[in-house]
Amino acid sequence: ADPETLRLEDIFQQLPPENLLNHLGEFFRILGDPTRIKILQALAVRELCVAEIAQLIGASQSAVSHQLKTLRQTNLVKYHKAGKTVFYALSDDHVTQILSVGLVHIQE
């Protein structure tokens, strides 16, 4: 067989399955919103409640709650309740790493 074809076949075999690529695209679409990025950056420092996040990023509590719902649904943030207050945090270190690598990349 033609070497060019073999190399393309080898590359094709190494690509993730289509459904994973679709999920990855959705993941980056979620990260593509500046408000969500601000929320994630704030949560990279420490866990916060909705009111604190809203104050930090200059958005309404309603807007922050809406964005947090999206971030929860994509497993980027987790939450716990302390009395009536809900505190949010990044779901794991991968989120912090993605944000850090992204910042390094755009500053190069």
PDB file of N, CA and C in Angstrom:
ATOM      1  N   ALA A   1       0.845  -1.198   0.000  1.00  0.00           N
ATOM      2  CA  ALA A   1       0.000   0.000   0.000  1.00  0.00           C
ATOM      3  C   ALA A   1       0.883   1.251   0.000  1.00  0.00           C
ATOM      4  N   ASP A   2       0.303   2.314  -0.451  1.00  0.00           N
ATOM      5  CA  ASP A   2       0.989   3.600  -0.528  1.00  0.00           C
ATOM      6  C   ASP A   2       1.350   4.096   0.873  1.00  0.00           C
ATOM      7  N   PRO A   3       2.620   4.512   1.105  1.00  0.00           N
ATOM      8  CA  PRO A   3       3.022   4.981   2.446  1.00  0.00           C
ATOM      9  C   PRO A   3       2.189   6.158   2.951  1.00  0.00           C
ATOM     10  N   GLU A   4       1.800   7.068   2.059  1.00  0.00           N
ATOM     11  CA  GLU A   4       0.973   8.203   2.486  1.00  0.00           C
ATOM     12  C   GLU A   4      -0.353   7.712   3.064  1.00  0.00           C
ATOM     13  N   THR A   5      -0.954   6.742   2.438  1.00  0.00           N
ATOM     14  CA  THR A   5      -2.223   6.190   2.897  1.00  0.00           C
ATOM     15  C   THR A   5      -2.052   5.503   4.245  1.00  0.00           C
ATOM     16  N   LEU A   6      -0.966   4.750   4.379  1.00  0.00           N
ATOM     17  CA  LEU A   6      -0.723   4.071   5.651  1.00  0.00           C
ATOM     18  C   LEU A   6      -0.582   5.072   6.787  1.00  0.00           C
ATOM     19  N   ARG A   7       0.123   6.142   6.547  1.00  0.00           N
ATOM     20  CA  ARG A   7       0.294   7.129   7.612  1.00  0.00           C
ATOM     21  C   ARG A   7      -1.047   7.759   7.989  1.00  0.00           C
ATOM     22  N   LEU A   8      -1.869   8.046   6.996  1.00  0.00           N
ATOM     23  CA  LEU A   8      -3.184   8.601   7.300  1.00  0.00           C
ATOM     24  C   LEU A   8      -4.037   7.596   8.066  1.00  0.00           C
ATOM     25  N   GLU A   9      -3.955   6.332   7.685  1.00  0.00           N
ATOM     26  CA  GLU A   9      -4.695   5.284   8.406  1.00  0.00           C
ATOM     27  C   GLU A   9      -4.203   5.184   9.851  1.00  0.00           C
ATOM     28  N   ASP A  10      -2.880   5.249  10.025  1.00  0.00           N
ATOM     29  CA  ASP A  10      -2.328   5.203  11.388  1.00  0.00           C
ATOM     30  C   ASP A  10      -2.828   6.378  12.213  1.00  0.00           C
ATOM     31  N   ILE A  11      -2.832   7.558  11.595  1.00  0.00           N
ATOM     32  CA  ILE A  11      -3.340   8.744  12.291  1.00  0.00           C
ATOM     33  C   ILE A  11      -4.806   8.553  12.632  1.00  0.00           C
ATOM     34  N   PHE A  12      -5.588   8.067  11.673  1.00  0.00           N
ATOM     35  CA  PHE A  12      -7.013   7.863  11.897  1.00  0.00           C
ATOM     36  C   PHE A  12      -7.254   6.920  13.067  1.00  0.00           C
ATOM     37  N   GLN A  13      -6.436   5.862  13.153  1.00  0.00           N
ATOM     38  CA  GLN A  13      -6.582   4.888  14.242  1.00  0.00           C
ATOM     39  C   GLN A  13      -6.310   5.514  15.607  1.00  0.00           C
ATOM     40  N   GLN A  14      -5.523   6.586  15.627  1.00  0.00           N
ATOM     41  CA  GLN A  14      -5.177   7.232  16.890  1.00  0.00           C
ATOM     42  C   GLN A  14      -6.175   8.302  17.308  1.00  0.00           C
ATOM     43  N   LEU A  15      -7.081   8.686  16.430  1.00  0.00           N
ATOM     44  CA  LEU A  15      -8.079   9.689  16.790  1.00  0.00           C
ATOM     45  C   LEU A  15      -9.070   9.105  17.792  1.00  0.00           C
ATOM     46  N   PRO A  16      -9.475   9.913  18.767  1.00  0.00           N
ATOM     47  CA  PRO A  16     -10.512   9.434  19.690  1.00  0.00           C
ATOM     48  C   PRO A  16     -11.822   9.171  18.938  1.00  0.00           C
ATOM     49  N   PRO A  17     -12.683   8.357  19.495  1.00  0.00           N
ATOM     50  CA  PRO A  17     -13.986   8.097  18.857  1.00  0.00           C
ATOM     51  C   PRO A  17     -14.783   9.395  18.682  1.00  0.00           C
ATOM     52  N   GLU A  18     -15.633   9.407  17.683  1.00  0.00           N
ATOM     53  CA  GLU A  18     -16.425  10.591  17.330  1.00  0.00           C
ATOM     54  C   GLU A  18     -17.206  11.155  18.520  1.00  0.00           C
ATOM     55  N   ASN A  19     -17.804  10.272  19.323  1.00  0.00           N
ATOM     56  CA  ASN A  19     -18.590  10.761  20.456  1.00  0.00           C
ATOM     57  C   ASN A  19     -17.713  11.496  21.471  1.00  0.00           C
ATOM     58  N   LEU A  20     -16.476  11.040  21.674  1.00  0.00           N
ATOM     59  CA  LEU A  20     -15.573  11.740  22.589  1.00  0.00           C
ATOM     60  C   LEU A  20     -15.151  13.091  22.021  1.00  0.00           C
ATOM     61  N   LEU A  21     -14.918  13.147  20.713  1.00  0.00           N
ATOM     62  CA  LEU A  21     -14.578  14.418  20.081  1.00  0.00           C
ATOM     63  C   LEU A  21     -15.733  15.407  20.197  1.00  0.00           C
ATOM     64  N   ASN A  22     -16.954  14.918  20.072  1.00  0.00           N
ATOM     65  CA  ASN A  22     -18.130  15.783  20.241  1.00  0.00           C
ATOM     66  C   ASN A  22     -18.211  16.319  21.669  1.00  0.00           C
ATOM     67  N   HIS A  23     -17.955  15.452  22.633  1.00  0.00           N
ATOM     68  CA  HIS A  23     -17.963  15.886  24.044  1.00  0.00           C
ATOM     69  C   HIS A  23     -16.857  16.905  24.305  1.00  0.00           C
ATOM     70  N   LEU A  24     -15.699  16.701  23.700  1.00  0.00           N
ATOM     71  CA  LEU A  24     -14.591  17.637  23.870  1.00  0.00           C
ATOM     72  C   LEU A  24     -14.944  19.000  23.279  1.00  0.00           C
ATOM     73  N   GLY A  25     -15.588  18.998  22.125  1.00  0.00           N
ATOM     74  CA  GLY A  25     -16.042  20.252  21.520  1.00  0.00           C
ATOM     75  C   GLY A  25     -17.026  20.976  22.419  1.00  0.00           C
ATOM     76  N   GLU A  26     -17.946  20.242  23.017  1.00  0.00           N
ATOM     77  CA  GLU A  26     -18.925  20.824  23.942  1.00  0.00           C
ATOM     78  C   GLU A  26     -18.221  21.380  25.181  1.00  0.00           C
ATOM     79  N   PHE A  27     -17.238  20.656  25.668  1.00  0.00           N
ATOM     80  CA  PHE A  27     -16.453  21.085  26.826  1.00  0.00           C
ATOM     81  C   PHE A  27     -15.796  22.438  26.545  1.00  0.00           C
ATOM     82  N   PHE A  28     -15.166  22.569  25.399  1.00  0.00           N
ATOM     83  CA  PHE A  28     -14.506  23.836  25.064  1.00  0.00           C
ATOM     84  C   PHE A  28     -15.516  24.936  24.771  1.00  0.00           C
ATOM     85  N   ARG A  29     -16.701  24.571  24.257  1.00  0.00           N
ATOM     86  CA  ARG A  29     -17.751  25.578  24.064  1.00  0.00           C
ATOM     87  C   ARG A  29     -18.168  26.157  25.412  1.00  0.00           C
ATOM     88  N   ILE A  30     -18.304  25.301  26.420  1.00  0.00           N
ATOM     89  CA  ILE A  30     -18.664  25.763  27.762  1.00  0.00           C
ATOM     90  C   ILE A  30     -17.578  26.697  28.295  1.00  0.00           C
ATOM     91  N   LEU A  31     -16.323  26.348  28.066  1.00  0.00           N
ATOM     92  CA  LEU A  31     -15.212  27.181  28.527  1.00  0.00           C
ATOM     93  C   LEU A  31     -15.071  28.464  27.705  1.00  0.00           C
ATOM     94  N   GLY A  32     -15.781  28.558  26.597  1.00  0.00           N
ATOM     95  CA  GLY A  32     -15.658  29.710  25.711  1.00  0.00           C
ATOM     96  C   GLY A  32     -16.409  30.947  26.163  1.00  0.00           C
ATOM     97  N   ASP A  33     -17.078  30.892  27.290  1.00  0.00           N
ATOM     98  CA  ASP A  33     -17.855  32.033  27.775  1.00  0.00           C
ATOM     99  C   ASP A  33     -17.044  32.796  28.828  1.00  0.00           C
ATOM    100  N   PRO A  34     -16.798  34.107  28.615  1.00  0.00           N
ATOM    101  CA  PRO A  34     -15.982  34.883  29.561  1.00  0.00           C
ATOM    102  C   PRO A  34     -16.535  34.902  30.990  1.00  0.00           C
ATOM    103  N   THR A  35     -17.850  34.916  31.148  1.00  0.00           N
ATOM    104  CA  THR A  35     -18.426  34.910  32.493  1.00  0.00           C
ATOM    105  C   THR A  35     -18.112  33.599  33.206  1.00  0.00           C
ATOM    106  N   ARG A  36     -18.240  32.505  32.495  1.00  0.00           N
ATOM    107  CA  ARG A  36     -17.924  31.206  33.105  1.00  0.00           C
ATOM    108  C   ARG A  36     -16.439  31.117  33.437  1.00  0.00           C
ATOM    109  N   ILE A  37     -15.587  31.668  32.579  1.00  0.00           N
ATOM    110  CA  ILE A  37     -14.145  31.669  32.856  1.00  0.00           C
ATOM    111  C   ILE A  37     -13.855  32.473  34.125  1.00  0.00           C
ATOM    112  N   LYS A  38     -14.506  33.624  34.277  1.00  0.00           N
ATOM    113  CA  LYS A  38     -14.310  34.440  35.490  1.00  0.00           C
ATOM    114  C   LYS A  38     -14.723  33.653  36.730  1.00  0.00           C
ATOM    115  N   ILE A  39     -15.850  32.972  36.642  1.00  0.00           N
ATOM    116  CA  ILE A  39     -16.333  32.165  37.771  1.00  0.00           C
ATOM    117  C   ILE A  39     -15.314  31.077  38.104  1.00  0.00           C
ATOM    118  N   LEU A  40     -14.845  30.366  37.097  1.00  0.00           N
ATOM    119  CA  LEU A  40     -13.886  29.295  37.325  1.00  0.00           C
ATOM    120  C   LEU A  40     -12.581  29.824  37.910  1.00  0.00           C
ATOM    121  N   GLN A  41     -12.119  30.974  37.419  1.00  0.00           N
ATOM    122  CA  GLN A  41     -10.879  31.564  37.942  1.00  0.00           C
ATOM    123  C   GLN A  41     -11.055  31.948  39.411  1.00  0.00           C
ATOM    124  N   ALA A  42     -12.215  32.498  39.758  1.00  0.00           N
ATOM    125  CA  ALA A  42     -12.472  32.856  41.159  1.00  0.00           C
ATOM    126  C   ALA A  42     -12.499  31.601  42.028  1.00  0.00           C
ATOM    127  N   LEU A  43     -13.129  30.548  41.523  1.00  0.00           N
ATOM    128  CA  LEU A  43     -13.214  29.301  42.289  1.00  0.00           C
ATOM    129  C   LEU A  43     -11.874  28.574  42.357  1.00  0.00           C
ATOM    130  N   ALA A  44     -10.952  28.925  41.485  1.00  0.00           N
ATOM    131  CA  ALA A  44      -9.615  28.331  41.548  1.00  0.00           C
ATOM    132  C   ALA A  44      -8.871  28.824  42.788  1.00  0.00           C
ATOM    133  N   VAL A  45      -9.303  29.966  43.330  1.00  0.00           N
ATOM    134  CA  VAL A  45      -8.673  30.515  44.535  1.00  0.00           C
ATOM    135  C   VAL A  45      -9.236  29.849  45.783  1.00  0.00           C
ATOM    136  N   ARG A  46     -10.583  29.803  45.872  1.00  0.00           N
ATOM    137  CA  ARG A  46     -11.224  29.112  46.994  1.00  0.00           C
ATOM    138  C   ARG A  46     -12.698  28.928  46.690  1.00  0.00           C
ATOM    139  N   GLU A  47     -13.371  28.101  47.486  1.00  0.00           N
ATOM    140  CA  GLU A  47     -14.807  27.928  47.300  1.00  0.00           C
ATOM    141  C   GLU A  47     -15.526  29.213  47.692  1.00  0.00           C
ATOM    142  N   LEU A  48     -16.625  29.467  46.990  1.00  0.00           N
ATOM    143  CA  LEU A  48     -17.384  30.704  47.179  1.00  0.00           C
ATOM    144  C   LEU A  48     -18.870  30.429  47.067  1.00  0.00           C
ATOM    145  N   CYS A  49     -19.670  31.304  47.679  1.00  0.00           N
ATOM    146  CA  CYS A  49     -21.120  31.219  47.498  1.00  0.00           C
ATOM    147  C   CYS A  49     -21.515  32.120  46.311  1.00  0.00           C
ATOM    148  N   VAL A  50     -22.748  31.986  45.864  1.00  0.00           N
ATOM    149  CA  VAL A  50     -23.233  32.740  44.705  1.00  0.00           C
ATOM    150  C   VAL A  50     -23.075  34.241  44.908  1.00  0.00           C
ATOM    151  N   ALA A  51     -23.428  34.739  46.105  1.00  0.00           N
ATOM    152  CA  ALA A  51     -23.338  36.180  46.364  1.00  0.00           C
ATOM    153  C   ALA A  51     -21.902  36.672  46.233  1.00  0.00           C
ATOM    154  N   GLU A  52     -20.954  35.886  46.741  1.00  0.00           N
ATOM    155  CA  GLU A  52     -19.543  36.274  46.646  1.00  0.00           C
ATOM    156  C   GLU A  52     -19.069  36.290  45.194  1.00  0.00           C
ATOM    157  N   ILE A  53     -19.463  35.267  44.456  1.00  0.00           N
ATOM    158  CA  ILE A  53     -19.079  35.200  43.035  1.00  0.00           C
ATOM    159  C   ILE A  53     -19.659  36.386  42.284  1.00  0.00           C
ATOM    160  N   ALA A  54     -20.937  36.656  42.521  1.00  0.00           N
ATOM    161  CA  ALA A  54     -21.601  37.772  41.844  1.00  0.00           C
ATOM    162  C   ALA A  54     -20.877  39.085  42.116  1.00  0.00           C
ATOM    163  N   GLN A  55     -20.513  39.307  43.373  1.00  0.00           N
ATOM    164  CA  GLN A  55     -19.799  40.532  43.749  1.00  0.00           C
ATOM    165  C   GLN A  55     -18.430  40.588  43.066  1.00  0.00           C
ATOM    166  N   LEU A  56     -17.715  39.474  43.058  1.00  0.00           N
ATOM    167  CA  LEU A  56     -16.376  39.431  42.471  1.00  0.00           C
ATOM    168  C   LEU A  56     -16.374  39.729  40.979  1.00  0.00           C
ATOM    169  N   ILE A  57     -17.332  39.163  40.261  1.00  0.00           N
ATOM    170  CA  ILE A  57     -17.289  39.295  38.795  1.00  0.00           C
ATOM    171  C   ILE A  57     -18.213  40.387  38.267  1.00  0.00           C
ATOM    172  N   GLY A  58     -18.949  41.043  39.165  1.00  0.00           N
ATOM    173  CA  GLY A  58     -19.819  42.126  38.736  1.00  0.00           C
ATOM    174  C   GLY A  58     -21.023  41.671  37.936  1.00  0.00           C
ATOM    175  N   ALA A  59     -21.637  40.596  38.384  1.00  0.00           N
ATOM    176  CA  ALA A  59     -22.829  40.064  37.714  1.00  0.00           C
ATOM    177  C   ALA A  59     -23.926  39.873  38.755  1.00  0.00           C
ATOM    178  N   SER A  60     -25.149  39.721  38.285  1.00  0.00           N
ATOM    179  CA  SER A  60     -26.259  39.478  39.207  1.00  0.00           C
ATOM    180  C   SER A  60     -26.173  38.046  39.749  1.00  0.00           C
ATOM    181  N   GLN A  61     -26.771  37.841  40.919  1.00  0.00           N
ATOM    182  CA  GLN A  61     -26.794  36.495  41.489  1.00  0.00           C
ATOM    183  C   GLN A  61     -27.551  35.538  40.572  1.00  0.00           C
ATOM    184  N   SER A  62     -28.583  36.047  39.917  1.00  0.00           N
ATOM    185  CA  SER A  62     -29.359  35.228  38.987  1.00  0.00           C
ATOM    186  C   SER A  62     -28.490  34.762  37.812  1.00  0.00           C
ATOM    187  N   ALA A  63     -27.708  35.690  37.257  1.00  0.00           N
ATOM    188  CA  ALA A  63     -26.826  35.338  36.132  1.00  0.00           C
ATOM    189  C   ALA A  63     -25.765  34.333  36.570  1.00  0.00           C
ATOM    190  N   VAL A  64     -25.213  34.534  37.762  1.00  0.00           N
ATOM    191  CA  VAL A  64     -24.196  33.618  38.288  1.00  0.00           C
ATOM    192  C   VAL A  64     -24.800  32.237  38.517  1.00  0.00           C
ATOM    193  N   SER A  65     -25.989  32.187  39.101  1.00  0.00           N
ATOM    194  CA  SER A  65     -26.658  30.899  39.334  1.00  0.00           C
ATOM    195  C   SER A  65     -26.888  30.157  38.028  1.00  0.00           C
ATOM    196  N   HIS A  66     -27.291  30.885  37.002  1.00  0.00           N
ATOM    197  CA  HIS A  66     -27.521  30.284  35.679  1.00  0.00           C
ATOM    198  C   HIS A  66     -26.220  29.679  35.140  1.00  0.00           C
ATOM    199  N   GLN A  67     -25.125  30.422  35.243  1.00  0.00           N
ATOM    200  CA  GLN A  67     -23.847  29.922  34.741  1.00  0.00           C
ATOM    201  C   GLN A  67     -23.346  28.741  35.583  1.00  0.00           C
ATOM    202  N   LEU A  68     -23.567  28.799  36.892  1.00  0.00           N
ATOM    203  CA  LEU A  68     -23.157  27.693  37.760  1.00  0.00           C
ATOM    204  C   LEU A  68     -23.909  26.408  37.425  1.00  0.00           C
ATOM    205  N   LYS A  69     -25.159  26.546  37.042  1.00  0.00           N
ATOM    206  CA  LYS A  69     -25.936  25.369  36.639  1.00  0.00           C
ATOM    207  C   LYS A  69     -25.265  24.695  35.444  1.00  0.00           C
ATOM    208  N   THR A  70     -24.868  25.495  34.461  1.00  0.00           N
ATOM    209  CA  THR A  70     -24.184  24.952  33.290  1.00  0.00           C
ATOM    210  C   THR A  70     -22.862  24.301  33.693  1.00  0.00           C
ATOM    211  N   LEU A  71     -22.113  24.956  34.559  1.00  0.00           N
ATOM    212  CA  LEU A  71     -20.825  24.419  35.001  1.00  0.00           C
ATOM    213  C   LEU A  71     -20.998  23.142  35.824  1.00  0.00           C
ATOM    214  N   ARG A  72     -22.081  23.047  36.596  1.00  0.00           N
ATOM    215  CA  ARG A  72     -22.382  21.816  37.348  1.00  0.00           C
ATOM    216  C   ARG A  72     -22.706  20.680  36.390  1.00  0.00           C
ATOM    217  N   GLN A  73     -23.531  20.990  35.380  1.00  0.00           N
ATOM    218  CA  GLN A  73     -23.971  19.962  34.430  1.00  0.00           C
ATOM    219  C   GLN A  73     -22.806  19.376  33.631  1.00  0.00           C
ATOM    220  N   THR A  74     -21.752  20.143  33.481  1.00  0.00           N
ATOM    221  CA  THR A  74     -20.588  19.659  32.743  1.00  0.00           C
ATOM    222  C   THR A  74     -19.466  19.215  33.681  1.00  0.00           C
ATOM    223  N   ASN A  75     -19.790  19.062  34.951  1.00  0.00           N
ATOM    224  CA  ASN A  75     -18.857  18.557  35.972  1.00  0.00           C
ATOM    225  C   ASN A  75     -17.601  19.416  36.136  1.00  0.00           C
ATOM    226  N   LEU A  76     -17.732  20.708  35.895  1.00  0.00           N
ATOM    227  CA  LEU A  76     -16.601  21.610  36.108  1.00  0.00           C
ATOM    228  C   LEU A  76     -16.604  22.168  37.531  1.00  0.00           C
ATOM    229  N   VAL A  77     -17.783  22.238  38.153  1.00  0.00           N
ATOM    230  CA  VAL A  77     -17.874  22.679  39.542  1.00  0.00           C
ATOM    231  C   VAL A  77     -18.710  21.684  40.343  1.00  0.00           C
ATOM    232  N   LYS A  78     -18.467  21.698  41.645  1.00  0.00           N
ATOM    233  CA  LYS A  78     -19.263  20.901  42.581  1.00  0.00           C
ATOM    234  C   LYS A  78     -19.752  21.859  43.655  1.00  0.00           C
ATOM    235  N   TYR A  79     -20.671  21.411  44.483  1.00  0.00           N
ATOM    236  CA  TYR A  79     -21.195  22.297  45.519  1.00  0.00           C
ATOM    237  C   TYR A  79     -21.521  21.506  46.779  1.00  0.00           C
ATOM    238  N   HIS A  80     -21.638  22.246  47.874  1.00  0.00           N
ATOM    239  CA  HIS A  80     -22.132  21.669  49.121  1.00  0.00           C
ATOM    240  C   HIS A  80     -22.877  22.777  49.867  1.00  0.00           C
ATOM    241  N   LYS A  81     -23.803  22.354  50.704  1.00  0.00           N
ATOM    242  CA  LYS A  81     -24.597  23.309  51.476  1.00  0.00           C
ATOM    243  C   LYS A  81     -24.070  23.408  52.893  1.00  0.00           C
ATOM    244  N   ALA A  82     -24.056  24.644  53.400  1.00  0.00           N
ATOM    245  CA  ALA A  82     -23.740  24.906  54.807  1.00  0.00           C
ATOM    246  C   ALA A  82     -24.905  25.735  55.325  1.00  0.00           C
ATOM    247  N   GLY A  83     -25.845  25.081  55.968  1.00  0.00           N
ATOM    248  CA  GLY A  83     -27.079  25.763  56.352  1.00  0.00           C
ATOM    249  C   GLY A  83     -27.873  26.068  55.092  1.00  0.00           C
ATOM    250  N   LYS A  84     -28.229  27.331  54.904  1.00  0.00           N
ATOM    251  CA  LYS A  84     -28.979  27.729  53.712  1.00  0.00           C
ATOM    252  C   LYS A  84     -28.059  28.184  52.578  1.00  0.00           C
ATOM    253  N   THR A  85     -26.769  28.298  52.869  1.00  0.00           N
ATOM    254  CA  THR A  85     -25.825  28.804  51.877  1.00  0.00           C
ATOM    255  C   THR A  85     -25.225  27.652  51.076  1.00  0.00           C
ATOM    256  N   VAL A  86     -25.144  27.834  49.759  1.00  0.00           N
ATOM    257  CA  VAL A  86     -24.539  26.851  48.870  1.00  0.00           C
ATOM    258  C   VAL A  86     -23.160  27.365  48.464  1.00  0.00           C
ATOM    259  N   PHE A  87     -22.151  26.554  48.702  1.00  0.00           N
ATOM    260  CA  PHE A  87     -20.780  26.900  48.333  1.00  0.00           C
ATOM    261  C   PHE A  87     -20.352  26.079  47.128  1.00  0.00           C
ATOM    262  N   TYR A  88     -19.680  26.752  46.204  1.00  0.00           N
ATOM    263  CA  TYR A  88     -19.205  26.114  44.979  1.00  0.00           C
ATOM    264  C   TYR A  88     -17.691  26.033  44.985  1.00  0.00           C
ATOM    265  N   ALA A  89     -17.169  24.982  44.343  1.00  0.00           N
ATOM    266  CA  ALA A  89     -15.731  24.781  44.194  1.00  0.00           C
ATOM    267  C   ALA A  89     -15.496  24.102  42.851  1.00  0.00           C
ATOM    268  N   LEU A  90     -14.266  24.175  42.368  1.00  0.00           N
ATOM    269  CA  LEU A  90     -13.918  23.437  41.156  1.00  0.00           C
ATOM    270  C   LEU A  90     -14.034  21.950  41.438  1.00  0.00           C
ATOM    271  N   SER A  91     -14.479  21.201  40.455  1.00  0.00           N
ATOM    272  CA  SER A  91     -14.728  19.778  40.684  1.00  0.00           C
ATOM    273  C   SER A  91     -13.455  18.976  40.906  1.00  0.00           C
ATOM    274  N   ASP A  92     -12.347  19.386  40.280  1.00  0.00           N
ATOM    275  CA  ASP A  92     -11.083  18.680  40.497  1.00  0.00           C
ATOM    276  C   ASP A  92      -9.908  19.513  39.982  1.00  0.00           C
ATOM    277  N   ASP A  93      -8.705  18.994  40.173  1.00  0.00           N
ATOM    278  CA  ASP A  93      -7.495  19.712  39.770  1.00  0.00           C
ATOM    279  C   ASP A  93      -7.367  19.865  38.259  1.00  0.00           C
ATOM    280  N   HIS A  94      -8.049  19.014  37.494  1.00  0.00           N
ATOM    281  CA  HIS A  94      -7.972  19.140  36.035  1.00  0.00           C
ATOM    282  C   HIS A  94      -8.472  20.502  35.571  1.00  0.00           C
ATOM    283  N   VAL A  95      -9.509  21.005  36.207  1.00  0.00           N
ATOM    284  CA  VAL A  95     -10.064  22.306  35.817  1.00  0.00           C
ATOM    285  C   VAL A  95      -9.024  23.395  36.043  1.00  0.00           C
ATOM    286  N   THR A  96      -8.361  23.357  37.181  1.00  0.00           N
ATOM    287  CA  THR A  96      -7.300  24.322  37.481  1.00  0.00           C
ATOM    288  C   THR A  96      -6.183  24.217  36.451  1.00  0.00           C
ATOM    289  N   GLN A  97      -5.795  23.007  36.113  1.00  0.00           N
ATOM    290  CA  GLN A  97      -4.719  22.793  35.134  1.00  0.00           C
ATOM    291  C   GLN A  97      -5.099  23.327  33.759  1.00  0.00           C
ATOM    292  N   ILE A  98      -6.337  23.097  33.335  1.00  0.00           N
ATOM    293  CA  ILE A  98      -6.794  23.579  32.025  1.00  0.00           C
ATOM    294  C   ILE A  98      -6.750  25.104  31.989  1.00  0.00           C
ATOM    295  N   LEU A  99      -7.231  25.741  33.048  1.00  0.00           N
ATOM    296  CA  LEU A  99      -7.210  27.207  33.109  1.00  0.00           C
ATOM    297  C   LEU A  99      -5.775  27.729  33.091  1.00  0.00           C
ATOM    298  N   SER A 100      -4.897  27.101  33.857  1.00  0.00           N
ATOM    299  CA  SER A 100      -3.499  27.531  33.934  1.00  0.00           C
ATOM    300  C   SER A 100      -2.798  27.383  32.588  1.00  0.00           C
ATOM    301  N   VAL A 101      -2.975  26.237  31.951  1.00  0.00           N
ATOM    302  CA  VAL A 101      -2.332  25.998  30.655  1.00  0.00           C
ATOM    303  C   VAL A 101      -2.873  26.981  29.612  1.00  0.00           C
ATOM    304  N   GLY A 102      -4.170  27.241  29.647  1.00  0.00           N
ATOM    305  CA  GLY A 102      -4.760  28.207  28.720  1.00  0.00           C
ATOM    306  C   GLY A 102      -4.157  29.591  28.895  1.00  0.00           C
ATOM    307  N   LEU A 103      -4.001  30.021  30.143  1.00  0.00           N
ATOM    308  CA  LEU A 103      -3.408  31.342  30.408  1.00  0.00           C
ATOM    309  C   LEU A 103      -1.965  31.405  29.934  1.00  0.00           C
ATOM    310  N   VAL A 104      -1.206  30.352  30.196  1.00  0.00           N
ATOM    311  CA  VAL A 104       0.195  30.328  29.739  1.00  0.00           C
ATOM    312  C   VAL A 104       0.233  30.404  28.212  1.00  0.00           C
ATOM    313  N   HIS A 105      -0.621  29.652  27.558  1.00  0.00           N
ATOM    314  CA  HIS A 105      -0.628  29.620  26.094  1.00  0.00           C
ATOM    315  C   HIS A 105      -0.917  31.004  25.499  1.00  0.00           C
ATOM    316  N   ILE A 106      -1.921  31.691  26.006  1.00  0.00           N
ATOM    317  CA  ILE A 106      -2.280  32.981  25.401  1.00  0.00           C
ATOM    318  C   ILE A 106      -1.293  34.082  25.752  1.00  0.00           C
ATOM    319  N   GLN A 107      -0.470  33.876  26.767  1.00  0.00           N
ATOM    320  CA  GLN A 107       0.511  34.893  27.156  1.00  0.00           C
ATOM    321  C   GLN A 107       1.854  34.695  26.458  1.00  0.00           C
ATOM    322  N   GLU A 108       2.001  33.625  25.690  1.00  0.00           N
ATOM    323  CA  GLU A 108       3.263  33.374  24.983  1.00  0.00           C
ATOM    324  C   GLU A 108       3.388  34.260  23.764  1.00  0.00           C
TER     325      GLU A 108
END
